[in-house]
Structures are given as structure tokens and as C-alpha cells.
C-alpha atoms as a PDB file:
ATOM      1  CA  MET A   1     -81.835 -62.178 -54.961  1.00  0.00           C
ATOM      2  CA  LYS A   2     -81.483 -64.113 -51.678  1.00  0.00           C
ATOM      3  CA  LYS A   3     -80.059 -67.132 -53.577  1.00  0.00           C
ATOM      4  CA  SER A   4     -77.278 -64.743 -55.171  1.00  0.00           C
ATOM      5  CA  LYS A   5     -76.443 -63.456 -51.682  1.00  0.00           C
ATOM      6  CA  TYR A   6     -76.298 -67.319 -50.403  1.00  0.00           C
ATOM      7  CA  PHE A   7     -74.175 -68.299 -53.353  1.00  0.00           C
ATOM      8  CA  ILE A   8     -71.748 -65.356 -52.788  1.00  0.00           C
ATOM      9  CA  LEU A   9     -71.554 -66.294 -49.014  1.00  0.00           C
ATOM     10  CA  GLY A  10     -70.974 -70.064 -49.767  1.00  0.00           C
ATOM     11  CA  CYS A  11     -68.039 -69.223 -52.152  1.00  0.00           C
ATOM     12  CA  LEU A  12     -66.466 -66.899 -49.477  1.00  0.00           C
ATOM     13  CA  LEU A  13     -66.858 -69.645 -46.923  1.00  0.00           C
ATOM     14  CA  MET A  14     -65.287 -72.295 -49.242  1.00  0.00           C
ATOM     15  CA  ALA A  15     -62.436 -69.912 -49.998  1.00  0.00           C
ATOM     16  CA  LEU A  16     -61.620 -69.453 -46.195  1.00  0.00           C
ATOM     17  CA  ILE A  17     -61.957 -73.108 -45.793  1.00  0.00           C
ATOM     18  CA  LEU A  18     -59.348 -73.720 -48.590  1.00  0.00           C
ATOM     19  CA  LEU A  19     -56.931 -71.076 -47.291  1.00  0.00           C
ATOM     20  CA  ILE A  20     -56.925 -72.488 -43.734  1.00  0.00           C
ATOM     21  CA  SER A  21     -56.398 -76.228 -45.251  1.00  0.00           C
ATOM     22  CA  GLY A  22     -53.534 -74.750 -47.304  1.00  0.00           C
ATOM     23  CA  THR A  23     -51.870 -73.226 -44.414  1.00  0.00           C
ATOM     24  CA  VAL A  24     -52.062 -76.361 -42.393  1.00  0.00           C
ATOM     25  CA  LEU A  25     -50.695 -78.499 -45.188  1.00  0.00           C
ATOM     26  CA  GLY A  26     -47.852 -76.264 -45.976  1.00  0.00           C
ATOM     27  CA  GLY A  27     -49.535 -74.082 -48.815  1.00  0.00           C
ATOM     28  CA  PHE A  28     -47.695 -70.930 -47.457  1.00  0.00           C
ATOM     29  CA  SER A  29     -44.563 -72.694 -48.913  1.00  0.00           C
ATOM     30  CA  GLN A  30     -45.740 -71.968 -52.379  1.00  0.00           C
ATOM     31  CA  LEU A  31     -46.849 -68.497 -51.262  1.00  0.00           C
ATOM     32  CA  LYS A  32     -43.097 -67.973 -50.306  1.00  0.00           C
ATOM     33  CA  SER A  33     -41.907 -68.543 -53.812  1.00  0.00           C
ATOM     34  CA  THR A  34     -44.462 -66.387 -55.470  1.00  0.00           C
ATOM     35  CA  TYR A  35     -44.771 -63.506 -52.777  1.00  0.00           C
ATOM     36  CA  PHE A  36     -41.275 -62.132 -53.933  1.00  0.00           C
ATOM     37  CA  ASP A  37     -40.614 -62.329 -57.538  1.00  0.00           C
ATOM     38  CA  ASP A  38     -36.814 -62.198 -56.901  1.00  0.00           C
ATOM     39  CA  SER A  39     -36.924 -65.149 -54.343  1.00  0.00           C
ATOM     40  CA  ILE A  40     -33.977 -67.882 -54.400  1.00  0.00           C
ATOM     41  CA  SER A  41     -33.328 -71.118 -52.728  1.00  0.00           C
ATOM     42  CA  ASN A  42     -30.169 -72.973 -52.113  1.00  0.00           C
ATOM     43  CA  SER A  43     -28.571 -70.548 -54.748  1.00  0.00           C
ATOM     44  CA  GLU A  44     -25.536 -68.422 -55.154  1.00  0.00           C
ATOM     45  CA  TYR A  45     -25.558 -65.114 -56.681  1.00  0.00           C
ATOM     46  CA  ALA A  46     -22.701 -62.549 -57.576  1.00  0.00           C
ATOM     47  CA  PHE A  47     -22.899 -58.893 -57.890  1.00  0.00           C
ATOM     48  CA  VAL A  48     -20.484 -56.237 -58.986  1.00  0.00           C
ATOM     49  CA  GLY A  49     -20.378 -52.292 -58.698  1.00  0.00           C
ATOM     50  CA  ILE A  50     -22.479 -52.465 -55.502  1.00  0.00           C
ATOM     51  CA  LYS A  51     -22.275 -49.227 -53.497  1.00  0.00           C
ATOM     52  CA  ASN A  52     -24.986 -49.610 -50.868  1.00  0.00           C
ATOM     53  CA  LEU A  53     -25.780 -52.552 -48.865  1.00  0.00           C
ATOM     54  CA  ASP A  54     -29.308 -53.267 -47.000  1.00  0.00           C
ATOM     55  CA  ILE A  55     -29.822 -56.320 -44.983  1.00  0.00           C
ATOM     56  CA  GLU A  56     -33.026 -57.088 -42.983  1.00  0.00           C
ATOM     57  CA  VAL A  57     -33.408 -60.342 -41.201  1.00  0.00           C
ATOM     58  CA  ASP A  58     -35.625 -61.895 -38.748  1.00  0.00           C
ATOM     59  CA  GLY A  59     -34.867 -65.178 -37.320  1.00  0.00           C
ATOM     60  CA  CYS A  60     -32.260 -66.444 -39.172  1.00  0.00           C
ATOM     61  CA  LYS A  61     -28.231 -66.484 -39.129  1.00  0.00           C
ATOM     62  CA  VAL A  62     -26.149 -64.224 -41.147  1.00  0.00           C
ATOM     63  CA  ASN A  63     -22.399 -64.294 -41.717  1.00  0.00           C
ATOM     64  CA  ILE A  64     -20.492 -61.703 -43.657  1.00  0.00           C
ATOM     65  CA  GLN A  65     -16.996 -62.753 -44.674  1.00  0.00           C
ATOM     66  CA  GLU A  66     -13.987 -61.256 -46.655  1.00  0.00           C
ATOM     67  CA  TYR A  67     -12.665 -63.274 -49.415  1.00  0.00           C
ATOM     68  CA  ASP A  68     -10.103 -62.818 -52.256  1.00  0.00           C
ATOM     69  CA  GLY A  69     -12.465 -61.935 -55.193  1.00  0.00           C
ATOM     70  CA  SER A  70     -13.840 -59.057 -57.034  1.00  0.00           C
ATOM     71  CA  SER A  71     -17.834 -59.772 -56.591  1.00  0.00           C
ATOM     72  CA  ILE A  72     -20.242 -59.629 -53.812  1.00  0.00           C
ATOM     73  CA  LYS A  73     -21.523 -63.058 -53.544  1.00  0.00           C
ATOM     74  CA  VAL A  74     -24.794 -64.145 -51.709  1.00  0.00           C
ATOM     75  CA  ILE A  75     -25.494 -67.834 -50.443  1.00  0.00           C
ATOM     76  CA  SER A  76     -28.527 -68.899 -48.618  1.00  0.00           C
ATOM     77  CA  SER A  77     -29.737 -72.323 -47.392  1.00  0.00           C
ATOM     78  CA  LYS A  78     -33.318 -71.368 -47.879  1.00  0.00           C
ATOM     79  CA  SER A  79     -35.372 -68.758 -49.954  1.00  0.00           C
ATOM     80  CA  ILE A  80     -34.475 -65.210 -49.200  1.00  0.00           C
ATOM     81  CA  LYS A  81     -35.333 -61.927 -51.392  1.00  0.00           C
ATOM     82  CA  ILE A  82     -32.441 -60.221 -53.167  1.00  0.00           C
ATOM     83  CA  VAL A  83     -32.821 -56.984 -55.023  1.00  0.00           C
ATOM     84  CA  ASN A  84     -29.989 -55.142 -56.840  1.00  0.00           C
ATOM     85  CA  GLU A  85     -31.507 -51.694 -57.958  1.00  0.00           C
ATOM     86  CA  ASN A  86     -29.063 -48.850 -58.988  1.00  0.00           C
ATOM     87  CA  ASN A  87     -26.003 -50.459 -57.399  1.00  0.00           C
ATOM     88  CA  ALA A  88     -27.849 -50.943 -54.133  1.00  0.00           C
ATOM     89  CA  LEU A  89     -28.126 -54.557 -52.910  1.00  0.00           C
ATOM     90  CA  MET A  90     -31.053 -55.535 -50.488  1.00  0.00           C
ATOM     91  CA  ILE A  91     -31.129 -58.821 -48.827  1.00  0.00           C
ATOM     92  CA  GLU A  92     -34.171 -60.134 -46.801  1.00  0.00           C
ATOM     93  CA  ASP A  93     -35.626 -62.989 -45.268  1.00  0.00           C
ATOM     94  CA  ASN A  94     -38.398 -64.420 -47.443  1.00  0.00           C
ATOM     95  CA  PHE A  95     -42.039 -64.376 -46.220  1.00  0.00           C
ATOM     96  CA  ASN A  96     -43.382 -67.035 -44.112  1.00  0.00           C
ATOM     97  CA  ILE A  97     -46.279 -66.700 -41.623  1.00  0.00           C
ATOM     98  CA  PHE A  98     -45.034 -66.381 -37.863  1.00  0.00           C
ATOM     99  CA  ASN A  99     -41.323 -67.006 -39.143  1.00  0.00           C
ATOM    100  CA  LEU A 100     -41.958 -70.726 -38.648  1.00  0.00           C
ATOM    101  CA  ASN A 101     -38.985 -71.813 -40.907  1.00  0.00           C
ATOM    102  CA  ASN A 102     -36.300 -69.282 -40.008  1.00  0.00           C
ATOM    103  CA  SER A 103     -34.602 -71.022 -37.360  1.00  0.00           C
ATOM    104  CA  ASN A 104     -32.384 -73.172 -39.798  1.00  0.00           C
ATOM    105  CA  LYS A 105     -31.932 -70.422 -42.386  1.00  0.00           C
ATOM    106  CA  LYS A 106     -28.425 -69.163 -42.865  1.00  0.00           C
ATOM    107  CA  ILE A 107     -27.357 -66.541 -45.270  1.00  0.00           C
ATOM    108  CA  THR A 108     -23.562 -66.003 -46.161  1.00  0.00           C
ATOM    109  CA  VAL A 109     -22.455 -62.707 -47.774  1.00  0.00           C
ATOM    110  CA  TYR A 110     -18.814 -62.868 -49.347  1.00  0.00           C
ATOM    111  CA  ILE A 111     -17.271 -59.339 -49.666  1.00  0.00           C
ATOM    112  CA  PRO A 112     -14.013 -58.653 -51.443  1.00  0.00           C
ATOM    113  CA  ILE A 113     -11.340 -57.915 -49.079  1.00  0.00           C
ATOM    114  CA  ASN A 114     -11.224 -54.073 -48.071  1.00  0.00           C
ATOM    115  CA  TYR A 115     -14.507 -53.409 -49.918  1.00  0.00           C
ATOM    116  CA  GLN A 116     -15.729 -49.818 -49.501  1.00  0.00           C
ATOM    117  CA  PHE A 117     -19.435 -49.089 -49.521  1.00  0.00           C
ATOM    118  CA  ASN A 118     -21.208 -45.810 -49.383  1.00  0.00           C
ATOM    119  CA  ASP A 119     -24.215 -46.598 -47.083  1.00  0.00           C
ATOM    120  CA  VAL A 120     -24.730 -49.911 -45.163  1.00  0.00           C
ATOM    121  CA  ASP A 121     -28.033 -50.668 -43.448  1.00  0.00           C
ATOM    122  CA  ILE A 122     -28.371 -53.561 -41.029  1.00  0.00           C
ATOM    123  CA  SER A 123     -31.492 -54.675 -39.280  1.00  0.00           C
ATOM    124  CA  VAL A 124     -31.567 -57.712 -36.914  1.00  0.00           C
ATOM    125  CA  ASP A 125     -34.876 -58.730 -35.560  1.00  0.00           C
ATOM    126  CA  ALA A 126     -34.428 -61.921 -33.402  1.00  0.00           C
ATOM    127  CA  GLY A 127     -31.492 -63.444 -35.505  1.00  0.00           C
ATOM    128  CA  ASP A 128     -27.682 -63.710 -35.117  1.00  0.00           C
ATOM    129  CA  PHE A 129     -25.588 -61.533 -37.347  1.00  0.00           C
ATOM    130  CA  GLU A 130     -21.834 -61.915 -37.395  1.00  0.00           C
ATOM    131  CA  ALA A 131     -19.267 -59.892 -39.850  1.00  0.00           C
ATOM    132  CA  GLU A 132     -15.607 -59.757 -40.174  1.00  0.00           C
ATOM    133  CA  ASN A 133     -14.780 -56.332 -41.410  1.00  0.00           C
ATOM    134  CA  ILE A 134     -17.231 -53.675 -42.596  1.00  0.00           C
ATOM    135  CA  TYR A 135     -15.843 -50.466 -44.583  1.00  0.00           C
ATOM    136  CA  ALA A 136     -18.435 -47.771 -45.518  1.00  0.00           C
ATOM    137  CA  ARG A 137     -19.126 -43.955 -45.300  1.00  0.00           C
ATOM    138  CA  ASP A 138     -22.279 -44.334 -43.262  1.00  0.00           C
ATOM    139  CA  ILE A 139     -23.467 -47.191 -41.302  1.00  0.00           C
ATOM    140  CA  GLU A 140     -26.869 -47.830 -39.684  1.00  0.00           C
ATOM    141  CA  ILE A 141     -27.314 -50.824 -37.288  1.00  0.00           C
ATOM    142  CA  SER A 142     -30.626 -51.625 -35.573  1.00  0.00           C
ATOM    143  CA  VAL A 143     -30.968 -54.819 -33.115  1.00  0.00           C
ATOM    144  CA  ASP A 144     -34.296 -55.617 -31.802  1.00  0.00           C
ATOM    145  CA  ALA A 145     -33.941 -58.907 -29.763  1.00  0.00           C
ATOM    146  CA  GLY A 146     -30.928 -60.392 -31.738  1.00  0.00           C
ATOM    147  CA  ASP A 147     -27.305 -60.580 -31.632  1.00  0.00           C
ATOM    148  CA  PHE A 148     -25.055 -58.369 -33.649  1.00  0.00           C
ATOM    149  CA  ALA A 149     -21.211 -59.092 -33.777  1.00  0.00           C
ATOM    150  CA  ALA A 150     -18.486 -57.425 -35.989  1.00  0.00           C
ATOM    151  CA  LYS A 151     -14.737 -57.809 -35.794  1.00  0.00           C
ATOM    152  CA  LYS A 152     -13.846 -54.358 -37.247  1.00  0.00           C
ATOM    153  CA  ILE A 153     -16.048 -51.440 -38.609  1.00  0.00           C
ATOM    154  CA  THR A 154     -14.261 -48.536 -40.379  1.00  0.00           C
ATOM    155  CA  THR A 155     -16.643 -45.717 -41.183  1.00  0.00           C
ATOM    156  CA  THR A 156     -17.183 -41.912 -40.955  1.00  0.00           C
ATOM    157  CA  ASN A 157     -20.655 -42.053 -39.318  1.00  0.00           C
ATOM    158  CA  LEU A 158     -22.105 -44.886 -37.234  1.00  0.00           C
ATOM    159  CA  ASN A 159     -25.427 -45.207 -35.650  1.00  0.00           C
ATOM    160  CA  VAL A 160     -26.286 -47.956 -33.271  1.00  0.00           C
ATOM    161  CA  GLU A 161     -29.562 -48.787 -31.970  1.00  0.00           C
ATOM    162  CA  VAL A 162     -30.453 -51.719 -29.581  1.00  0.00           C
ATOM    163  CA  ASP A 163     -33.768 -52.492 -28.062  1.00  0.00           C
ATOM    164  CA  ALA A 164     -33.396 -55.780 -26.045  1.00  0.00           C
ATOM    165  CA  GLY A 165     -30.648 -57.579 -27.984  1.00  0.00           C
ATOM    166  CA  LYS A 166     -26.784 -56.995 -27.936  1.00  0.00           C
ATOM    167  CA  ALA A 167     -24.215 -55.464 -30.234  1.00  0.00           C
ATOM    168  CA  THR A 168     -20.668 -55.950 -30.075  1.00  0.00           C
ATOM    169  CA  ILE A 169     -17.803 -54.421 -32.121  1.00  0.00           C
ATOM    170  CA  ASP A 170     -14.312 -55.769 -31.362  1.00  0.00           C
ATOM    171  CA  LEU A 171     -12.576 -52.647 -33.045  1.00  0.00           C
ATOM    172  CA  LEU A 172     -14.234 -49.419 -34.180  1.00  0.00           C
ATOM    173  CA  ASP A 173     -12.678 -46.707 -36.303  1.00  0.00           C
ATOM    174  CA  CYS A 174     -15.126 -44.094 -36.586  1.00  0.00           C
ATOM    175  CA  LEU A 175     -15.271 -40.236 -36.855  1.00  0.00           C
ATOM    176  CA  ASN A 176     -19.005 -39.828 -35.352  1.00  0.00           C
ATOM    177  CA  SER A 177     -20.392 -42.492 -33.327  1.00  0.00           C
ATOM    178  CA  ASP A 178     -23.902 -42.744 -31.931  1.00  0.00           C
ATOM    179  CA  PHE A 179     -25.066 -45.490 -29.468  1.00  0.00           C
ATOM    180  CA  ASP A 180     -28.711 -45.800 -28.463  1.00  0.00           C
ATOM    181  CA  CYS A 181     -29.709 -48.729 -26.045  1.00  0.00           C
ATOM    182  CA  ASP A 182     -33.015 -49.396 -24.253  1.00  0.00           C
ATOM    183  CA  VAL A 183     -32.761 -52.749 -22.101  1.00  0.00           C
ATOM    184  CA  GLY A 184     -30.087 -54.540 -24.244  1.00  0.00           C
ATOM    185  CA  ASP A 185     -26.109 -54.327 -24.296  1.00  0.00           C
ATOM    186  CA  ILE A 186     -23.695 -52.751 -26.409  1.00  0.00           C
ATOM    187  CA  GLU A 187     -19.866 -53.468 -26.042  1.00  0.00           C
ATOM    188  CA  VAL A 188     -17.466 -51.625 -28.339  1.00  0.00           C
ATOM    189  CA  MET A 189     -13.722 -51.266 -28.520  1.00  0.00           C
ATOM    190  CA  MET A 190     -12.570 -47.747 -30.076  1.00  0.00           C
ATOM    191  CA  VAL A 191      -9.430 -47.116 -32.248  1.00  0.00           C
ATOM    192  CA  GLY A 192      -6.959 -45.086 -30.216  1.00  0.00           C
ATOM    193  CA  SER A 193      -7.060 -43.394 -26.708  1.00  0.00           C
ATOM    194  CA  GLU A 194      -9.702 -41.365 -24.715  1.00  0.00           C
ATOM    195  CA  ALA A 195      -7.758 -38.356 -25.701  1.00  0.00           C
ATOM    196  CA  ASP A 196      -8.759 -38.726 -29.310  1.00  0.00           C
ATOM    197  CA  TYR A 197     -12.389 -38.343 -28.424  1.00  0.00           C
ATOM    198  CA  SER A 198     -14.995 -35.881 -27.105  1.00  0.00           C
ATOM    199  CA  TYR A 199     -18.126 -37.598 -25.825  1.00  0.00           C
ATOM    200  CA  ASP A 200     -21.859 -36.766 -24.525  1.00  0.00           C
ATOM    201  CA  VAL A 201     -23.505 -39.396 -22.317  1.00  0.00           C
ATOM    202  CA  SER A 202     -27.113 -39.583 -20.980  1.00  0.00           C
ATOM    203  CA  CYS A 203     -28.013 -42.265 -18.806  1.00  0.00           C
ATOM    204  CA  ASP A 204     -31.323 -43.034 -16.939  1.00  0.00           C
ATOM    205  CA  LEU A 205     -31.347 -46.549 -14.902  1.00  0.00           C
ATOM    206  CA  GLY A 206     -28.645 -48.155 -16.795  1.00  0.00           C
ATOM    207  CA  SER A 207     -24.979 -48.430 -16.741  1.00  0.00           C
ATOM    208  CA  VAL A 208     -22.544 -46.824 -18.996  1.00  0.00           C
ATOM    209  CA  ARG A 209     -18.720 -47.317 -19.048  1.00  0.00           C
ATOM    210  CA  ILE A 210     -16.703 -45.177 -21.391  1.00  0.00           C
ATOM    211  CA  GLY A 211     -13.054 -44.294 -21.043  1.00  0.00           C
ATOM    212  CA  ASN A 212     -12.372 -43.181 -17.446  1.00  0.00           C
ATOM    213  CA  TYR A 213     -16.099 -42.398 -16.984  1.00  0.00           C
ATOM    214  CA  LYS A 214     -18.707 -44.735 -15.380  1.00  0.00           C
ATOM    215  CA  THR A 215     -22.249 -43.989 -14.286  1.00  0.00           C
ATOM    216  CA  ASP A 216     -23.139 -44.867 -10.644  1.00  0.00           C
ATOM    217  CA  GLY A 217     -26.557 -46.482 -11.798  1.00  0.00           C
ATOM    218  CA  LEU A 218     -28.606 -43.299 -11.242  1.00  0.00           C
ATOM    219  CA  SER A 219     -29.806 -40.582 -13.945  1.00  0.00           C
ATOM    220  CA  ASP A 220     -26.883 -38.782 -15.082  1.00  0.00           C
ATOM    221  CA  ASP A 221     -25.630 -36.772 -18.032  1.00  0.00           C
ATOM    222  CA  TYR A 222     -21.835 -36.231 -18.672  1.00  0.00           C
ATOM    223  CA  SER A 223     -19.791 -34.572 -21.286  1.00  0.00           C
ATOM    224  CA  PHE A 224     -15.960 -35.003 -22.092  1.00  0.00           C
ATOM    225  CA  SER A 225     -14.179 -32.856 -24.665  1.00  0.00           C
ATOM    226  CA  SER A 226     -10.753 -33.446 -25.870  1.00  0.00           C
ATOM    227  CA  GLY A 227     -10.237 -35.043 -29.361  1.00  0.00           C
ATOM    228  CA  MET A 228     -12.099 -34.416 -32.957  1.00  0.00           C
ATOM    229  CA  LYS A 229     -13.850 -37.746 -33.028  1.00  0.00           C
ATOM    230  CA  LYS A 230     -17.278 -37.621 -31.480  1.00  0.00           C
ATOM    231  CA  ILE A 231     -19.171 -40.220 -29.471  1.00  0.00           C
ATOM    232  CA  SER A 232     -22.743 -39.880 -28.296  1.00  0.00           C
ATOM    233  CA  VAL A 233     -24.348 -42.377 -25.663  1.00  0.00           C
ATOM    234  CA  ASN A 234     -27.981 -42.598 -24.694  1.00  0.00           C
ATOM    235  CA  CYS A 235     -28.850 -45.332 -22.268  1.00  0.00           C
ATOM    236  CA  ASP A 236     -32.104 -46.324 -20.789  1.00  0.00           C
ATOM    237  CA  ALA A 237     -31.927 -49.308 -18.618  1.00  0.00           C
ATOM    238  CA  SER A 238     -29.384 -51.014 -20.559  1.00  0.00           C
ATOM    239  CA  ASP A 239     -25.569 -51.952 -20.324  1.00  0.00           C
ATOM    240  CA  ILE A 240     -23.123 -49.899 -22.482  1.00  0.00           C
ATOM    241  CA  ASP A 241     -19.282 -50.645 -22.433  1.00  0.00           C
ATOM    242  CA  ILE A 242     -17.075 -48.634 -24.623  1.00  0.00           C
ATOM    243  CA  LYS A 243     -13.510 -49.068 -24.236  1.00  0.00           C
ATOM    244  CA  MET A 244     -10.406 -47.394 -25.655  1.00  0.00           C
ATOM    245  CA  GLU A 245      -7.755 -49.628 -27.612  1.00  0.00           C
ATOM    246  CA  VAL A 246      -4.903 -47.674 -25.939  1.00  0.00           C
ATOM    247  CA  GLN A 247      -5.291 -47.206 -22.222  1.00  0.00           C
END
């Protein structure tokens, strides 16, 4: 009985040694290609009929570009995970321990000009995300310590949450906008003038500038009622700057 226990312990110890050796020698590169069944590397994929888009990235660079075509194309310099289920396209970084190989990874998504999504969900951990134009009914943007930048977003409902990163939208056309920032930065240019909007601001120790209103650096709540478009701003210790296209 004791010999059986020693044998089992010996096998477990050997397995642990092999696992550590494989990690040191790059064995997780093989794990990356098998951890996700739908992983690709240095490939181009095309999709049609996509209604929803979900992108989750850790430390890589993502670029969304418009082009004169009819399908959504995804090109990556290294392996990523792509899932197309019920006309919902999900794009993720592939698995690698401690994100060691993400710094040189780049994902480019080509979207037909004026392409309209139902739902778009973007999550950026520590990477860089750039987009030309995004059109969707509902958009969720979450930024941890990375950077998100879009030239124009057109949507009915937008929710932007920033932890310690930065989100920049050069031009936003939205009916209901919600901005929540912890210690990061948000910069947005809204379509139209201040008279088109009604907004609520809640600020702790940060700085908020929206239309003609600016916090004084102390805890403050403020409401402005005018137009049909709604803006909600929640600021902790961050910097939020929301300007109007027409002054």
C-alpha cells in the first residue's frame, strides 16, 4: 500500500516537473493553439450577416476601419479567438500566461461603410483600441488601464466606463449617454449644442466640464434640463471633458 502511495506521489511530482519545464521552454505556445478550438494565427476571416459585435482585448492593439466591401473581415498578426454564433461575432485575445506575448499583437477589423450593428460591446484591459466610425443601437465600452479612441459613434444608448485608462470620442451622436470614470480620463465631443441636451452630473474629487458647467474640484451634484437627449456623468477622482459641437 505504501509503495502505491509513493508511486502516485512520484508520478505527480514528475508531472509537475514536466509542466514547469514546458512553461520555461515555451510549451504554453502549444496550449494557446489548443486552449481555444477556434484560434487563428496570421489569418484573415470574413463574416456576413453579423448583428452583434463583442471585442475583448488585454494588451494588444485593435483597429476598426471602414472599407468599401460587404463583409466584416478580421486580420490578426498572432493567434486570437473568433466565435460567430447566431450572428454575434466575438473576438478575444488568445490565452497566454501573464500576457507575455501580447505587446506585438495587432488585430484589424474591417467593417463595411455605414454598417449598422444592434449591440456592440468593447472591453479594453491594457491595450490600445482605435476605431473610425461605429454605428449601433446599443454600445458598451469598458476601459481598465488601456486607451480607447473613436472618430465618430452613432448610437441610441451608450455606456462608457473607465477605470484608470482613457476614452476619447471625437464626435458622438447619441440619445442616451452614460459616462462613469474612476481615476482615468474621458474626452467627448457631442453633436449639436447644449440646448439639445439634459444632463446630470455627480462628482466627488475629480473634474467635470460639460457644456457651460464646470466643477470646482469638490464634491458636487448638478442637473441641467433642456433638450431630449440625456447625459449622465459620474466622476470619482477623474477628469471628464464633454464639449458641444456647436458653441
